[in-house]
Amino acid sequence: MTIKFANKYISIILFFISLSVSSQSNDWFTVAKKDVSYKSDKDVINLIGNEKEISQFKIKCTQGNLKIKYIVVHYKDKSKINNKTKGTGLLTKGMSSFVFNIEKGKIIDKIELSYEAIGNMLVTKRAKIELLGRKK
């Protein structure tokens, strides 16, 4: 009797743990998608609506190879923060950058990205990225 109860109890706990783990991995959403040219490139991503309510963001490379130079976060109050890349700044397909935190109490206006695709135009594919955000 106690073994059956323990098995049911363990099954219920494992079920709730699996739900919490799967929900943690799905809290990132796509804010923007960009194609990166083989020369130095600078893109400005203007955030609109609910996109401004993020507390963190990261860059994910979905194709090719990418070198991130710098990231500037512009806030509504006209202040800005220059973020240097952590590590080497090199991303290959499937890799994500480290997470960048947004200052508490501030609202983002836009994010400025400076990067370049790495590789040979004839051999490698052009880099594509996604800017992913996490809600507050």
Protein backbone atom coordinates (compact mmCIF):
# COMPACT_ATOMS: atom_id res chain seq x y z
CA MET A 1 0.00 0.00 0.00
CA THR A 2 2.71 2.50 0.91
CA ILE A 3 4.78 1.57 -2.14
CA LYS A 4 1.85 2.35 -4.47
CA PHE A 5 1.29 5.65 -2.69
CA ALA A 6 5.00 6.52 -2.95
CA ASN A 7 5.05 5.67 -6.67
CA LYS A 8 2.03 7.90 -7.32
CA TYR A 9 3.55 10.68 -5.25
CA ILE A 10 6.87 10.47 -7.14
CA SER A 11 5.03 10.40 -10.48
CA ILE A 12 3.10 13.56 -9.59
CA ILE A 13 6.28 15.36 -8.49
CA LEU A 14 8.12 14.38 -11.69
CA PHE A 15 5.17 15.60 -13.76
CA PHE A 16 5.24 19.05 -12.14
CA ILE A 17 9.03 19.27 -12.44
CA SER A 18 8.82 18.50 -16.17
CA LEU A 19 6.17 21.20 -16.61
CA SER A 20 8.29 23.81 -14.84
CA VAL A 21 11.41 22.92 -16.87
CA SER A 22 9.56 23.13 -20.18
CA SER A 23 7.98 26.48 -19.26
CA GLN A 24 11.38 27.94 -18.34
CA SER A 25 12.82 27.24 -21.78
CA ASN A 26 9.82 28.81 -23.56
CA ASP A 27 9.85 32.23 -21.92
CA TRP A 28 12.11 33.72 -24.64
CA PHE A 29 10.30 35.26 -27.60
CA THR A 30 11.54 36.66 -30.91
CA VAL A 31 11.73 40.46 -30.96
CA ALA A 32 13.37 40.81 -34.38
CA LYS A 33 15.10 38.86 -37.17
CA LYS A 34 17.95 40.27 -39.24
CA ASP A 35 20.23 39.21 -42.11
CA VAL A 36 23.86 40.20 -41.68
CA SER A 37 26.04 41.22 -44.61
CA TYR A 38 29.69 40.18 -45.03
CA LYS A 39 30.90 43.71 -44.41
CA SER A 40 30.53 45.54 -41.12
CA ASP A 41 26.86 46.08 -40.50
CA LYS A 42 24.90 48.18 -38.03
CA ASP A 43 21.21 47.67 -37.40
CA VAL A 44 18.85 49.59 -35.16
CA ILE A 45 15.91 47.64 -33.81
CA ASN A 46 13.05 49.88 -32.68
CA LEU A 47 10.93 48.17 -30.07
CA ILE A 48 7.17 48.70 -30.14
CA GLY A 49 4.30 47.76 -27.84
CA ASN A 50 4.91 44.84 -25.49
CA GLU A 51 8.45 44.37 -26.84
CA LYS A 52 9.53 47.33 -24.67
CA GLU A 53 8.65 45.40 -21.53
CA ILE A 54 11.60 43.02 -21.65
CA SER A 55 14.00 42.58 -18.76
CA GLN A 56 16.67 40.66 -20.69
CA PHE A 57 17.70 40.00 -24.26
CA LYS A 58 20.14 37.84 -26.17
CA ILE A 59 21.19 37.29 -29.77
CA LYS A 60 20.83 33.90 -31.43
CA CYS A 61 22.61 33.00 -34.66
CA THR A 62 20.29 30.90 -36.85
CA GLN A 63 22.55 30.62 -39.92
CA GLY A 64 26.20 31.24 -40.77
CA ASN A 65 28.90 32.75 -38.54
CA LEU A 66 28.75 36.11 -36.81
CA LYS A 67 31.10 38.46 -34.96
CA ILE A 68 29.33 40.87 -32.59
CA LYS A 69 31.24 44.12 -32.11
CA TYR A 70 29.04 46.04 -29.68
CA ILE A 71 25.47 46.55 -28.54
CA VAL A 72 23.94 49.86 -27.44
CA VAL A 73 20.64 49.97 -25.56
CA HIS A 74 18.77 53.29 -25.91
CA TYR A 75 16.15 54.09 -23.26
CA LYS A 76 13.07 56.33 -23.49
CA ASP A 77 14.68 58.87 -21.13
CA LYS A 78 17.39 59.42 -23.80
CA SER A 79 20.08 57.61 -21.76
CA LYS A 80 22.00 54.76 -23.32
CA ILE A 81 24.20 51.89 -22.21
CA ASN A 82 27.08 50.55 -24.31
CA ASN A 83 27.40 46.79 -23.88
CA LYS A 84 30.58 45.07 -24.93
CA THR A 85 30.23 41.46 -25.90
CA LYS A 86 31.09 38.96 -23.24
CA GLY A 87 33.60 36.35 -24.38
CA THR A 88 34.81 36.51 -27.97
CA GLY A 89 31.57 37.70 -29.53
CA LEU A 90 31.73 34.92 -32.12
CA LEU A 91 28.53 33.00 -32.76
CA THR A 92 27.95 30.07 -35.09
CA LYS A 93 24.65 28.51 -36.17
CA GLY A 94 22.56 27.54 -33.15
CA MET A 95 24.63 29.51 -30.63
CA SER A 96 23.29 32.34 -28.46
CA SER A 97 25.12 35.24 -26.88
CA PHE A 98 25.29 35.79 -23.17
CA VAL A 99 22.18 37.40 -21.70
CA PHE A 100 22.11 41.21 -21.48
CA ASN A 101 20.09 42.71 -18.62
CA ILE A 102 17.95 45.83 -18.89
CA GLU A 103 18.18 48.40 -16.09
CA LYS A 104 15.24 48.14 -13.70
CA GLY A 105 12.62 50.84 -14.03
CA LYS A 106 13.75 51.87 -17.52
CA ILE A 107 11.86 51.45 -20.77
CA ILE A 108 13.77 50.53 -23.91
CA ASP A 109 13.36 52.66 -27.02
CA LYS A 110 15.72 50.81 -29.37
CA ILE A 111 18.67 48.44 -29.52
CA GLU A 112 21.62 49.18 -31.80
CA LEU A 113 23.67 46.19 -32.98
CA SER A 114 27.06 46.30 -34.69
CA TYR A 115 28.28 43.04 -36.19
CA GLU A 116 29.56 41.31 -39.30
CA ALA A 117 29.16 37.91 -40.89
CA ILE A 118 32.35 35.89 -41.02
CA GLY A 119 33.28 33.60 -43.86
CA ASN A 120 33.60 33.50 -47.60
CA MET A 121 30.66 34.75 -49.64
CA LEU A 122 30.99 31.83 -52.07
CA VAL A 123 31.43 29.07 -49.50
CA THR A 124 29.43 30.00 -46.39
CA LYS A 125 25.88 31.18 -46.03
CA ARG A 126 25.06 34.71 -45.01
CA ALA A 127 24.50 35.03 -41.26
CA LYS A 128 20.99 35.40 -39.87
CA ILE A 129 20.17 36.37 -36.31
CA GLU A 130 17.23 36.61 -33.99
CA LEU A 131 17.00 39.09 -31.13
CA LEU A 132 15.24 37.24 -28.31
CA GLY A 133 13.63 38.95 -25.33
CA ARG A 134 12.38 37.82 -21.95
CA LYS A 135 9.45 39.56 -20.26
CA LYS A 136 9.76 41.28 -16.89
